[in-house]
PDB file of N, CA and C in Angstrom:
ATOM      1  N   MET A   1       0.737  -1.007  -0.105  1.00  0.00           N
ATOM      2  CA  MET A   1      -0.164  -0.199   0.011  1.00  0.00           C
ATOM      3  C   MET A   1       0.857   1.222  -0.125  1.00  0.00           C
ATOM      4  N   ALA A   2       0.760   2.224  -0.609  1.00  0.00           N
ATOM      5  CA  ALA A   2       1.695   3.313  -0.823  1.00  0.00           C
ATOM      6  C   ALA A   2       1.006   4.190   0.403  1.00  0.00           C
ATOM      7  N   ASN A   3       2.048   4.878   0.569  1.00  0.00           N
ATOM      8  CA  ASN A   3       2.054   6.101   1.753  1.00  0.00           C
ATOM      9  C   ASN A   3       1.524   7.330   0.932  1.00  0.00           C
ATOM     10  N   ASN A   4       0.308   7.691   1.313  1.00  0.00           N
ATOM     11  CA  ASN A   4      -0.451   9.043   1.161  1.00  0.00           C
ATOM     12  C   ASN A   4      -0.463   9.706   1.995  1.00  0.00           C
ATOM     13  N   ASN A   5       0.051  10.898   2.018  1.00  0.00           N
ATOM     14  CA  ASN A   5       0.198  12.061   2.396  1.00  0.00           C
ATOM     15  C   ASN A   5      -1.121  12.701   2.722  1.00  0.00           C
ATOM     16  N   PHE A   6      -1.907  12.506   1.946  1.00  0.00           N
ATOM     17  CA  PHE A   6      -3.492  13.257   1.921  1.00  0.00           C
ATOM     18  C   PHE A   6      -4.415  12.315   2.715  1.00  0.00           C
ATOM     19  N   GLY A   7      -4.014  11.180   3.190  1.00  0.00           N
ATOM     20  CA  GLY A   7      -5.082  10.150   3.719  1.00  0.00           C
ATOM     21  C   GLY A   7      -6.446  10.069   2.662  1.00  0.00           C
ATOM     22  N   LEU A   8      -7.533  10.232   3.549  1.00  0.00           N
ATOM     23  CA  LEU A   8      -8.511  10.434   2.654  1.00  0.00           C
ATOM     24  C   LEU A   8      -9.359  11.375   1.749  1.00  0.00           C
ATOM     25  N   ALA A   9      -8.491  12.459   1.643  1.00  0.00           N
ATOM     26  CA  ALA A   9      -8.648  13.550   1.080  1.00  0.00           C
ATOM     27  C   ALA A   9      -9.648  13.098  -0.141  1.00  0.00           C
ATOM     28  N   LEU A  10      -9.001  12.183  -1.309  1.00  0.00           N
ATOM     29  CA  LEU A  10      -9.674  11.899  -2.130  1.00  0.00           C
ATOM     30  C   LEU A  10     -11.058  11.255  -2.112  1.00  0.00           C
ATOM     31  N   GLY A  11     -11.252  10.361  -0.935  1.00  0.00           N
ATOM     32  CA  GLY A  11     -12.647   9.785  -0.837  1.00  0.00           C
ATOM     33  C   GLY A  11     -13.905  11.308  -0.048  1.00  0.00           C
ATOM     34  N   PHE A  12     -13.127  11.927   0.766  1.00  0.00           N
ATOM     35  CA  PHE A  12     -13.641  13.015   1.228  1.00  0.00           C
ATOM     36  C   PHE A  12     -14.250  13.957  -0.118  1.00  0.00           C
ATOM     37  N   LEU A  13     -13.371  14.233  -1.121  1.00  0.00           N
ATOM     38  CA  LEU A  13     -13.828  14.919  -2.238  1.00  0.00           C
ATOM     39  C   LEU A  13     -15.114  14.358  -2.822  1.00  0.00           C
ATOM     40  N   VAL A  14     -14.675  12.828  -3.125  1.00  0.00           N
ATOM     41  CA  VAL A  14     -15.802  12.035  -3.833  1.00  0.00           C
ATOM     42  C   VAL A  14     -17.306  12.453  -3.237  1.00  0.00           C
ATOM     43  N   ILE A  15     -16.790  11.826  -1.476  1.00  0.00           N
ATOM     44  CA  ILE A  15     -18.594  12.260  -1.178  1.00  0.00           C
ATOM     45  C   ILE A  15     -19.062  13.909  -1.144  1.00  0.00           C
ATOM     46  N   LEU A  16     -18.018  14.954  -1.112  1.00  0.00           N
ATOM     47  CA  LEU A  16     -18.734  15.711  -1.118  1.00  0.00           C
ATOM     48  C   LEU A  16     -19.029  16.351  -2.497  1.00  0.00           C
ATOM     49  N   LEU A  17     -18.581  16.276  -3.487  1.00  0.00           N
ATOM     50  CA  LEU A  17     -18.981  15.859  -5.217  1.00  0.00           C
ATOM     51  C   LEU A  17     -20.433  15.303  -5.108  1.00  0.00           C
ATOM     52  N   LEU A  18     -20.952  14.066  -4.157  1.00  0.00           N
ATOM     53  CA  LEU A  18     -22.195  13.306  -4.172  1.00  0.00           C
ATOM     54  C   LEU A  18     -23.144  14.419  -3.174  1.00  0.00           C
ATOM     55  N   TRP A  19     -22.739  14.549  -2.663  1.00  0.00           N
ATOM     56  CA  TRP A  19     -23.510  15.558  -1.652  1.00  0.00           C
ATOM     57  C   TRP A  19     -23.932  17.264  -2.715  1.00  0.00           C
ATOM     58  N   ILE A  20     -23.082  17.438  -3.007  1.00  0.00           N
ATOM     59  CA  ILE A  20     -23.568  18.713  -3.892  1.00  0.00           C
ATOM     60  C   ILE A  20     -24.272  17.980  -5.300  1.00  0.00           C
ATOM     61  N   TYR A  21     -24.056  16.905  -5.516  1.00  0.00           N
ATOM     62  CA  TYR A  21     -24.987  16.440  -6.765  1.00  0.00           C
ATOM     63  C   TYR A  21     -26.379  16.404  -6.226  1.00  0.00           C
ATOM     64  N   GLN A  22     -26.515  16.036  -4.916  1.00  0.00           N
ATOM     65  CA  GLN A  22     -27.731  15.336  -4.095  1.00  0.00           C
ATOM     66  C   GLN A  22     -28.349  17.053  -3.797  1.00  0.00           C
ATOM     67  N   ARG A  23     -27.920  17.935  -3.896  1.00  0.00           N
ATOM     68  CA  ARG A  23     -28.325  19.144  -3.203  1.00  0.00           C
ATOM     69  C   ARG A  23     -29.127  19.875  -4.690  1.00  0.00           C
ATOM     70  N   VAL A  24     -28.282  19.560  -5.814  1.00  0.00           N
ATOM     71  CA  VAL A  24     -28.611  20.026  -6.863  1.00  0.00           C
ATOM     72  C   VAL A  24     -29.945  19.204  -7.279  1.00  0.00           C
ATOM     73  N   ARG A  25     -30.174  18.034  -7.542  1.00  0.00           N
ATOM     74  CA  ARG A  25     -30.946  16.959  -7.771  1.00  0.00           C
ATOM     75  C   ARG A  25     -31.391  16.076  -6.767  1.00  0.00           C
ATOM     76  N   MET A  26     -32.321  16.541  -6.126  1.00  0.00           N
ATOM     77  CA  MET A  26     -33.214  15.782  -5.054  1.00  0.00           C
ATOM     78  C   MET A  26     -33.640  14.782  -5.388  1.00  0.00           C
ATOM     79  N   PRO A  27     -33.209  13.353  -4.890  1.00  0.00           N
ATOM     80  CA  PRO A  27     -33.666  12.221  -4.995  1.00  0.00           C
ATOM     81  C   PRO A  27     -35.144  12.477  -4.555  1.00  0.00           C
ATOM     82  N   LYS A  28     -36.025  11.056  -5.237  1.00  0.00           N
ATOM     83  CA  LYS A  28     -37.622  11.257  -5.230  1.00  0.00           C
ATOM     84  C   LYS A  28     -37.677  10.498  -3.966  1.00  0.00           C
ATOM     85  N   MET A  29     -38.897  10.623  -3.145  1.00  0.00           N
ATOM     86  CA  MET A  29     -39.408  10.222  -2.018  1.00  0.00           C
ATOM     87  C   MET A  29     -39.132   8.525  -1.968  1.00  0.00           C
ATOM     88  N   ARG A  30     -38.830   7.830  -1.090  1.00  0.00           N
ATOM     89  CA  ARG A  30     -38.509   6.879  -0.947  1.00  0.00           C
ATOM     90  C   ARG A  30     -38.057   5.894  -1.741  1.00  0.00           C
ATOM     91  N   SER A  31     -37.130   6.684  -2.428  1.00  0.00           N
ATOM     92  CA  SER A  31     -36.051   5.927  -3.407  1.00  0.00           C
ATOM     93  C   SER A  31     -34.909   5.078  -2.387  1.00  0.00           C
ATOM     94  N   LEU A  32     -33.865   4.861  -3.394  1.00  0.00           N
ATOM     95  CA  LEU A  32     -32.430   4.298  -2.241  1.00  0.00           C
ATOM     96  C   LEU A  32     -31.787   5.270  -1.986  1.00  0.00           C
ATOM     97  N   ALA A  33     -31.770   5.980  -2.492  1.00  0.00           N
ATOM     98  CA  ALA A  33     -31.129   7.795  -2.562  1.00  0.00           C
ATOM     99  C   ALA A  33     -31.397   8.756  -1.497  1.00  0.00           C
ATOM    100  N   GLY A  34     -30.524   9.238  -1.072  1.00  0.00           N
ATOM    101  CA  GLY A  34     -31.110  10.325   0.002  1.00  0.00           C
ATOM    102  C   GLY A  34     -31.265   9.829   1.611  1.00  0.00           C
ATOM    103  N   TYR A  35     -31.772  10.823   2.428  1.00  0.00           N
ATOM    104  CA  TYR A  35     -32.223  10.467   3.776  1.00  0.00           C
ATOM    105  C   TYR A  35     -33.335  10.367   4.273  1.00  0.00           C
ATOM    106  N   MET A  36     -33.364   9.102   4.804  1.00  0.00           N
ATOM    107  CA  MET A  36     -34.707   8.464   4.990  1.00  0.00           C
ATOM    108  C   MET A  36     -34.751   7.855   6.566  1.00  0.00           C
ATOM    109  N   SER A  37     -35.870   8.729   7.142  1.00  0.00           N
ATOM    110  CA  SER A  37     -36.143   7.941   8.408  1.00  0.00           C
ATOM    111  C   SER A  37     -37.919   8.098   8.383  1.00  0.00           C
ATOM    112  N   ARG A  38     -38.334   7.885   9.550  1.00  0.00           N
ATOM    113  CA  ARG A  38     -39.699   7.900   9.668  1.00  0.00           C
ATOM    114  C   ARG A  38     -40.300   9.670   9.658  1.00  0.00           C
ATOM    115  N   ARG A  39     -39.609  10.197  10.329  1.00  0.00           N
ATOM    116  CA  ARG A  39     -39.893  11.819  10.474  1.00  0.00           C
ATOM    117  C   ARG A  39     -39.699  12.209   8.744  1.00  0.00           C
ATOM    118  N   ALA A  40     -38.591  11.934   8.203  1.00  0.00           N
ATOM    119  CA  ALA A  40     -38.444  12.462   6.652  1.00  0.00           C
ATOM    120  C   ALA A  40     -39.074  11.761   5.868  1.00  0.00           C
ATOM    121  N   ILE A  41     -39.875  10.991   6.004  1.00  0.00           N
ATOM    122  CA  ILE A  41     -40.647  10.270   4.891  1.00  0.00           C
ATOM    123  C   ILE A  41     -42.134  10.589   5.251  1.00  0.00           C
ATOM    124  N   GLU A  42     -43.064  11.352   5.929  1.00  0.00           N
ATOM    125  CA  GLU A  42     -43.832  11.224   6.282  1.00  0.00           C
ATOM    126  C   GLU A  42     -45.403  11.941   5.227  1.00  0.00           C
ATOM    127  N   ASN A  43     -44.117  12.920   4.610  1.00  0.00           N
ATOM    128  CA  ASN A  43     -44.904  13.329   3.648  1.00  0.00           C
ATOM    129  C   ASN A  43     -44.018  14.365   2.530  1.00  0.00           C
ATOM    130  N   GLU A  44     -44.522  15.042   1.689  1.00  0.00           N
ATOM    131  CA  GLU A  44     -43.206  15.688   0.490  1.00  0.00           C
ATOM    132  C   GLU A  44     -42.945  16.876   1.065  1.00  0.00           C
ATOM    133  N   GLU A  45     -43.466  17.762   2.187  1.00  0.00           N
ATOM    134  CA  GLU A  45     -42.916  18.926   2.380  1.00  0.00           C
ATOM    135  C   GLU A  45     -41.649  18.341   3.734  1.00  0.00           C
ATOM    136  N   THR A  46     -42.190  17.380   4.498  1.00  0.00           N
ATOM    137  CA  THR A  46     -40.850  16.799   5.340  1.00  0.00           C
ATOM    138  C   THR A  46     -39.793  16.254   4.814  1.00  0.00           C
ATOM    139  N   TRP A  47     -39.952  15.336   3.393  1.00  0.00           N
ATOM    140  CA  TRP A  47     -39.127  14.649   3.107  1.00  0.00           C
ATOM    141  C   TRP A  47     -37.996  15.933   2.185  1.00  0.00           C
ATOM    142  N   ARG A  48     -38.625  16.697   1.711  1.00  0.00           N
ATOM    143  CA  ARG A  48     -38.029  17.847   0.608  1.00  0.00           C
ATOM    144  C   ARG A  48     -37.013  18.546   1.622  1.00  0.00           C
ATOM    145  N   PHE A  49     -37.654  18.654   3.196  1.00  0.00           N
ATOM    146  CA  PHE A  49     -36.520  19.340   4.234  1.00  0.00           C
ATOM    147  C   PHE A  49     -35.496  18.871   4.485  1.00  0.00           C
ATOM    148  N   ALA A  50     -35.970  17.612   4.737  1.00  0.00           N
ATOM    149  CA  ALA A  50     -34.655  16.627   5.079  1.00  0.00           C
ATOM    150  C   ALA A  50     -33.479  16.400   4.220  1.00  0.00           C
ATOM    151  N   GLN A  51     -33.857  16.196   3.088  1.00  0.00           N
ATOM    152  CA  GLN A  51     -32.918  16.037   1.780  1.00  0.00           C
ATOM    153  C   GLN A  51     -32.343  17.413   1.888  1.00  0.00           C
ATOM    154  N   ARG A  52     -32.916  18.605   1.341  1.00  0.00           N
ATOM    155  CA  ARG A  52     -32.375  19.959   1.629  1.00  0.00           C
ATOM    156  C   ARG A  52     -30.810  20.234   2.630  1.00  0.00           C
ATOM    157  N   PHE A  53     -31.595  19.839   4.234  1.00  0.00           N
ATOM    158  CA  PHE A  53     -31.077  19.811   4.792  1.00  0.00           C
ATOM    159  C   PHE A  53     -29.518  19.220   5.381  1.00  0.00           C
ATOM    160  N   TYR A  54     -29.984  17.600   4.765  1.00  0.00           N
ATOM    161  CA  TYR A  54     -29.125  17.054   4.900  1.00  0.00           C
ATOM    162  C   TYR A  54     -27.928  17.135   4.153  1.00  0.00           C
ATOM    163  N   SER A  55     -28.414  17.618   2.799  1.00  0.00           N
ATOM    164  CA  SER A  55     -27.249  17.740   1.841  1.00  0.00           C
ATOM    165  C   SER A  55     -26.087  18.875   2.511  1.00  0.00           C
ATOM    166  N   MET A  56     -27.144  19.971   2.774  1.00  0.00           N
ATOM    167  CA  MET A  56     -25.921  21.018   3.290  1.00  0.00           C
ATOM    168  C   MET A  56     -25.345  20.740   4.042  1.00  0.00           C
ATOM    169  N   PHE A  57     -25.708  20.233   5.185  1.00  0.00           N
ATOM    170  CA  PHE A  57     -24.996  19.849   6.708  1.00  0.00           C
ATOM    171  C   PHE A  57     -23.880  18.579   5.941  1.00  0.00           C
ATOM    172  N   GLY A  58     -23.692  17.944   5.018  1.00  0.00           N
ATOM    173  CA  GLY A  58     -23.134  17.230   4.638  1.00  0.00           C
ATOM    174  C   GLY A  58     -22.109  17.889   3.596  1.00  0.00           C
ATOM    175  N   ILE A  59     -22.344  18.775   2.702  1.00  0.00           N
ATOM    176  CA  ILE A  59     -21.377  19.889   2.671  1.00  0.00           C
ATOM    177  C   ILE A  59     -20.655  20.757   3.437  1.00  0.00           C
ATOM    178  N   GLU A  60     -21.293  20.957   4.622  1.00  0.00           N
ATOM    179  CA  GLU A  60     -20.523  21.689   5.481  1.00  0.00           C
ATOM    180  C   GLU A  60     -19.295  20.501   5.889  1.00  0.00           C
ATOM    181  N   ILE A  61     -19.727  19.458   6.794  1.00  0.00           N
ATOM    182  CA  ILE A  61     -18.989  18.343   7.186  1.00  0.00           C
ATOM    183  C   ILE A  61     -17.643  17.966   6.310  1.00  0.00           C
ATOM    184  N   PHE A  62     -18.355  17.865   4.891  1.00  0.00           N
ATOM    185  CA  PHE A  62     -17.282  17.161   4.252  1.00  0.00           C
ATOM    186  C   PHE A  62     -15.998  18.245   3.515  1.00  0.00           C
ATOM    187  N   SER A  63     -16.672  19.443   3.620  1.00  0.00           N
ATOM    188  CA  SER A  63     -15.749  20.377   3.261  1.00  0.00           C
ATOM    189  C   SER A  63     -14.778  20.757   4.317  1.00  0.00           C
ATOM    190  N   ILE A  64     -15.116  20.536   5.598  1.00  0.00           N
ATOM    191  CA  ILE A  64     -14.226  20.637   6.694  1.00  0.00           C
ATOM    192  C   ILE A  64     -13.043  19.015   6.566  1.00  0.00           C
ATOM    193  N   LEU A  65     -13.568  18.625   6.303  1.00  0.00           N
ATOM    194  CA  LEU A  65     -13.040  17.098   6.672  1.00  0.00           C
ATOM    195  C   LEU A  65     -11.885  17.348   5.250  1.00  0.00           C
ATOM    196  N   LEU A  66     -12.246  17.756   4.108  1.00  0.00           N
ATOM    197  CA  LEU A  66     -11.237  17.820   2.929  1.00  0.00           C
ATOM    198  C   LEU A  66     -10.298  18.687   3.237  1.00  0.00           C
ATOM    199  N   ILE A  67     -10.805  19.978   3.631  1.00  0.00           N
ATOM    200  CA  ILE A  67      -9.390  20.668   3.919  1.00  0.00           C
ATOM    201  C   ILE A  67      -8.550  20.595   5.076  1.00  0.00           C
ATOM    202  N   GLY A  68      -8.968  19.866   5.932  1.00  0.00           N
ATOM    203  CA  GLY A  68      -8.172  19.192   7.012  1.00  0.00           C
ATOM    204  C   GLY A  68      -7.344  18.288   6.455  1.00  0.00           C
ATOM    205  N   ALA A  69      -7.788  17.142   5.478  1.00  0.00           N
ATOM    206  CA  ALA A  69      -7.446  16.668   4.990  1.00  0.00           C
ATOM    207  C   ALA A  69      -6.021  17.143   3.787  1.00  0.00           C
ATOM    208  N   ILE A  70      -6.186  18.084   3.676  1.00  0.00           N
ATOM    209  CA  ILE A  70      -5.000  18.722   2.716  1.00  0.00           C
ATOM    210  C   ILE A  70      -4.505  19.302   3.397  1.00  0.00           C
ATOM    211  N   ILE A  71      -4.683  20.036   4.281  1.00  0.00           N
ATOM    212  CA  ILE A  71      -3.818  20.633   5.063  1.00  0.00           C
ATOM    213  C   ILE A  71      -2.925  19.801   5.705  1.00  0.00           C
ATOM    214  N   GLY A  72      -3.479  18.515   6.173  1.00  0.00           N
ATOM    215  CA  GLY A  72      -2.505  17.625   6.858  1.00  0.00           C
ATOM    216  C   GLY A  72      -1.504  17.551   5.934  1.00  0.00           C
ATOM    217  N   GLY A  73      -1.742  17.292   4.268  1.00  0.00           N
ATOM    218  CA  GLY A  73      -0.923  16.623   3.411  1.00  0.00           C
ATOM    219  C   GLY A  73       0.113  17.534   3.252  1.00  0.00           C
ATOM    220  N   LEU A  74      -0.194  18.936   3.191  1.00  0.00           N
ATOM    221  CA  LEU A  74       0.562  20.240   2.683  1.00  0.00           C
ATOM    222  C   LEU A  74       1.600  20.499   3.582  1.00  0.00           C
ATOM    223  N   PHE A  75       1.244  20.671   4.435  1.00  0.00           N
ATOM    224  CA  PHE A  75       2.046  20.975   5.865  1.00  0.00           C
ATOM    225  C   PHE A  75       2.551  19.681   7.209  1.00  0.00           C
ATOM    226  N   LYS A  76       2.349  18.678   6.333  1.00  0.00           N
ATOM    227  CA  LYS A  76       2.701  17.470   6.619  1.00  0.00           C
ATOM    228  C   LYS A  76       2.593  17.403   8.548  1.00  0.00           C
ATOM    229  N   ILE A  77       1.143  17.388   8.810  1.00  0.00           N
ATOM    230  CA  ILE A  77       0.779  17.243  10.226  1.00  0.00           C
ATOM    231  C   ILE A  77       0.377  16.056  10.442  1.00  0.00           C
ATOM    232  N   PRO A  78       1.151  15.236  11.334  1.00  0.00           N
ATOM    233  CA  PRO A  78       0.623  13.825  11.436  1.00  0.00           C
ATOM    234  C   PRO A  78      -0.543  13.440  11.766  1.00  0.00           C
ATOM    235  N   LEU A  79      -0.989  14.439  12.710  1.00  0.00           N
ATOM    236  CA  LEU A  79      -2.576  13.899  13.236  1.00  0.00           C
ATOM    237  C   LEU A  79      -3.489  13.934  12.117  1.00  0.00           C
ATOM    238  N   LEU A  80      -3.429  15.305  11.421  1.00  0.00           N
ATOM    239  CA  LEU A  80      -4.175  15.553  10.171  1.00  0.00           C
ATOM    240  C   LEU A  80      -4.294  14.453   8.790  1.00  0.00           C
ATOM    241  N   GLN A  81      -2.919  13.820   9.099  1.00  0.00           N
ATOM    242  CA  GLN A  81      -2.685  12.568   7.993  1.00  0.00           C
ATOM    243  C   GLN A  81      -3.105  11.527   8.307  1.00  0.00           C
ATOM    244  N   SER A  82      -3.194  11.031   9.633  1.00  0.00           N
ATOM    245  CA  SER A  82      -3.591  10.002   9.903  1.00  0.00           C
ATOM    246  C   SER A  82      -4.810   9.665   9.719  1.00  0.00           C
ATOM    247  N   PHE A  83      -4.596   7.946   9.050  1.00  0.00           N
ATOM    248  CA  PHE A  83      -5.820   7.295   8.308  1.00  0.00           C
ATOM    249  C   PHE A  83      -7.154   7.363   9.498  1.00  0.00           C
ATOM    250  N   ASN A  84      -6.452   6.647  10.564  1.00  0.00           N
ATOM    251  CA  ASN A  84      -7.488   6.388  11.617  1.00  0.00           C
ATOM    252  C   ASN A  84      -7.881   7.651  11.999  1.00  0.00           C
ATOM    253  N   PHE A  85      -7.449   8.731  12.060  1.00  0.00           N
ATOM    254  CA  PHE A  85      -8.082  10.006  13.103  1.00  0.00           C
ATOM    255  C   PHE A  85      -8.775  10.362  11.692  1.00  0.00           C
ATOM    256  N   GLN A  86      -8.760  10.543  10.387  1.00  0.00           N
ATOM    257  CA  GLN A  86      -9.956  10.772   9.324  1.00  0.00           C
ATOM    258  C   GLN A  86     -10.754  10.107   9.172  1.00  0.00           C
ATOM    259  N   ALA A  87     -10.758   8.591   9.596  1.00  0.00           N
ATOM    260  CA  ALA A  87     -11.882   7.890   9.633  1.00  0.00           C
ATOM    261  C   ALA A  87     -12.837   7.631  11.020  1.00  0.00           C
ATOM    262  N   ILE A  88     -12.111   8.465  11.844  1.00  0.00           N
ATOM    263  CA  ILE A  88     -12.803   8.574  13.048  1.00  0.00           C
ATOM    264  C   ILE A  88     -13.898   9.789  12.864  1.00  0.00           C
ATOM    265  N   ALA A  89     -13.190  11.053  12.422  1.00  0.00           N
ATOM    266  CA  ALA A  89     -13.972  12.224  12.139  1.00  0.00           C
ATOM    267  C   ALA A  89     -14.997  12.066  11.123  1.00  0.00           C
ATOM    268  N   LEU A  90     -14.737  11.095   9.979  1.00  0.00           N
ATOM    269  CA  LEU A  90     -15.705  10.643   8.534  1.00  0.00           C
ATOM    270  C   LEU A  90     -17.011  10.308  10.040  1.00  0.00           C
ATOM    271  N   ALA A  91     -16.544   9.124  10.589  1.00  0.00           N
ATOM    272  CA  ALA A  91     -17.713   8.466  11.319  1.00  0.00           C
ATOM    273  C   ALA A  91     -18.772   9.418  12.409  1.00  0.00           C
ATOM    274  N   VAL A  92     -17.779  10.599  12.946  1.00  0.00           N
ATOM    275  CA  VAL A  92     -18.767  11.408  13.706  1.00  0.00           C
ATOM    276  C   VAL A  92     -19.440  12.515  13.151  1.00  0.00           C
ATOM    277  N   GLY A  93     -18.410  12.914  11.746  1.00  0.00           N
ATOM    278  CA  GLY A  93     -19.549  13.494  11.066  1.00  0.00           C
ATOM    279  C   GLY A  93     -20.901  13.407  10.466  1.00  0.00           C
ATOM    280  N   LEU A  94     -20.823  11.788  10.262  1.00  0.00           N
ATOM    281  CA  LEU A  94     -21.808  11.307   9.859  1.00  0.00           C
ATOM    282  C   LEU A  94     -22.759  10.888  10.788  1.00  0.00           C
ATOM    283  N   ILE A  95     -22.628  10.487  11.859  1.00  0.00           N
ATOM    284  CA  ILE A  95     -23.373  10.439  13.148  1.00  0.00           C
ATOM    285  C   ILE A  95     -23.914  12.055  13.471  1.00  0.00           C
ATOM    286  N   MET A  96     -23.194  13.000  13.478  1.00  0.00           N
ATOM    287  CA  MET A  96     -23.533  14.342  13.537  1.00  0.00           C
ATOM    288  C   MET A  96     -24.507  15.085  12.393  1.00  0.00           C
ATOM    289  N   GLN A  97     -24.529  14.283  11.243  1.00  0.00           N
ATOM    290  CA  GLN A  97     -25.336  14.766  10.249  1.00  0.00           C
ATOM    291  C   GLN A  97     -26.695  14.098  10.567  1.00  0.00           C
ATOM    292  N   ASN A  98     -27.210  12.987  11.015  1.00  0.00           N
ATOM    293  CA  ASN A  98     -27.769  12.506  11.344  1.00  0.00           C
ATOM    294  C   ASN A  98     -29.188  13.107  12.361  1.00  0.00           C
ATOM    295  N   VAL A  99     -28.317  13.126  13.423  1.00  0.00           N
ATOM    296  CA  VAL A  99     -28.651  13.537  14.623  1.00  0.00           C
ATOM    297  C   VAL A  99     -29.228  15.201  14.149  1.00  0.00           C
ATOM    298  N   ALA A 100     -28.502  15.846  13.450  1.00  0.00           N
ATOM    299  CA  ALA A 100     -29.102  17.316  13.449  1.00  0.00           C
ATOM    300  C   ALA A 100     -30.148  17.402  12.470  1.00  0.00           C
ATOM    301  N   THR A 101     -29.855  16.489  11.645  1.00  0.00           N
ATOM    302  CA  THR A 101     -31.129  16.751  10.652  1.00  0.00           C
ATOM    303  C   THR A 101     -32.407  16.174  11.392  1.00  0.00           C
ATOM    304  N   GLU A 102     -32.484  14.606  12.229  1.00  0.00           N
ATOM    305  CA  GLU A 102     -33.754  14.509  12.732  1.00  0.00           C
ATOM    306  C   GLU A 102     -33.896  15.876  13.938  1.00  0.00           C
ATOM    307  N   ARG A 103     -32.926  16.505  14.669  1.00  0.00           N
ATOM    308  CA  ARG A 103     -33.226  17.417  15.655  1.00  0.00           C
ATOM    309  C   ARG A 103     -33.925  18.436  15.004  1.00  0.00           C
ATOM    310  N   GLU A 104     -33.393  19.097  13.660  1.00  0.00           N
ATOM    311  CA  GLU A 104     -34.180  19.880  12.934  1.00  0.00           C
ATOM    312  C   GLU A 104     -35.524  20.011  12.574  1.00  0.00           C
ATOM    313  N   LEU A 105     -35.882  18.375  11.874  1.00  0.00           N
ATOM    314  CA  LEU A 105     -36.797  17.896  11.396  1.00  0.00           C
ATOM    315  C   LEU A 105     -38.117  17.950  12.689  1.00  0.00           C
ATOM    316  N   LYS A 106     -37.341  17.644  13.733  1.00  0.00           N
ATOM    317  CA  LYS A 106     -38.177  17.596  14.953  1.00  0.00           C
ATOM    318  C   LYS A 106     -38.755  19.253  15.255  1.00  0.00           C
ATOM    319  N   HIS A 107     -37.620  19.966  15.458  1.00  0.00           N
ATOM    320  CA  HIS A 107     -37.984  21.488  15.403  1.00  0.00           C
ATOM    321  C   HIS A 107     -38.704  22.305  14.363  1.00  0.00           C
ATOM    322  N   GLN A 108     -38.883  21.767  13.349  1.00  0.00           N
ATOM    323  CA  GLN A 108     -39.411  22.385  11.990  1.00  0.00           C
ATOM    324  C   GLN A 108     -41.220  21.771  11.971  1.00  0.00           C
ATOM    325  N   PHE A 109     -41.372  20.700  12.105  1.00  0.00           N
ATOM    326  CA  PHE A 109     -42.330  20.018  11.994  1.00  0.00           C
ATOM    327  C   PHE A 109     -42.870  19.018  13.659  1.00  0.00           C
ATOM    328  N   PRO A 110     -43.104  19.844  14.164  1.00  0.00           N
ATOM    329  CA  PRO A 110     -43.104  19.781  15.932  1.00  0.00           C
ATOM    330  C   PRO A 110     -44.738  18.890  15.838  1.00  0.00           C
ATOM    331  N   LYS A 111     -45.666  18.702  15.066  1.00  0.00           N
ATOM    332  CA  LYS A 111     -47.000  18.501  15.560  1.00  0.00           C
ATOM    333  C   LYS A 111     -46.779  17.007  14.029  1.00  0.00           C
ATOM    334  N   SER A 112     -45.605  16.445  14.147  1.00  0.00           N
ATOM    335  CA  SER A 112     -45.871  14.970  13.838  1.00  0.00           C
ATOM    336  C   SER A 112     -46.752  14.126  14.326  1.00  0.00           C
ATOM    337  N   PRO A 113     -47.673  13.448  13.756  1.00  0.00           N
ATOM    338  CA  PRO A 113     -48.509  12.465  14.168  1.00  0.00           C
ATOM    339  C   PRO A 113     -47.523  11.260  14.735  1.00  0.00           C
ATOM    340  N   GLN A 114     -48.179  10.514  15.784  1.00  0.00           N
ATOM    341  CA  GLN A 114     -47.258   9.597  16.513  1.00  0.00           C
ATOM    342  C   GLN A 114     -48.068   8.530  15.794  1.00  0.00           C
ATOM    343  N   HIS A 115     -46.683   7.425  15.855  1.00  0.00           N
ATOM    344  CA  HIS A 115     -47.368   6.088  15.354  1.00  0.00           C
ATOM    345  C   HIS A 115     -47.351   5.216  15.983  1.00  0.00           C
TER     346      HIS A 115
END
């Protein structure tokens, strides 16, 4: 395996481009693409809100991860170059993205019917 100073930078770039694409071309409701939760698929309005919020938050998170990976590679910062650190940051970012989306859905649509 080749030593790469930029760690997961290419992966972060690809995921960032996917989020941007999702932001531009929203997936259809109940398709395999997009953010799905009980609250998000209640109706078309909650679906559209969830997709917009989830993709925008993803763009922010992956932009930060990409910038961190590039800075780590350029300035030879061992922590930011670490594959394990970047993988943990990725996992934490995805968890934050899901939690933030659910929180925002709950805040924007408080009168959701109980199942």
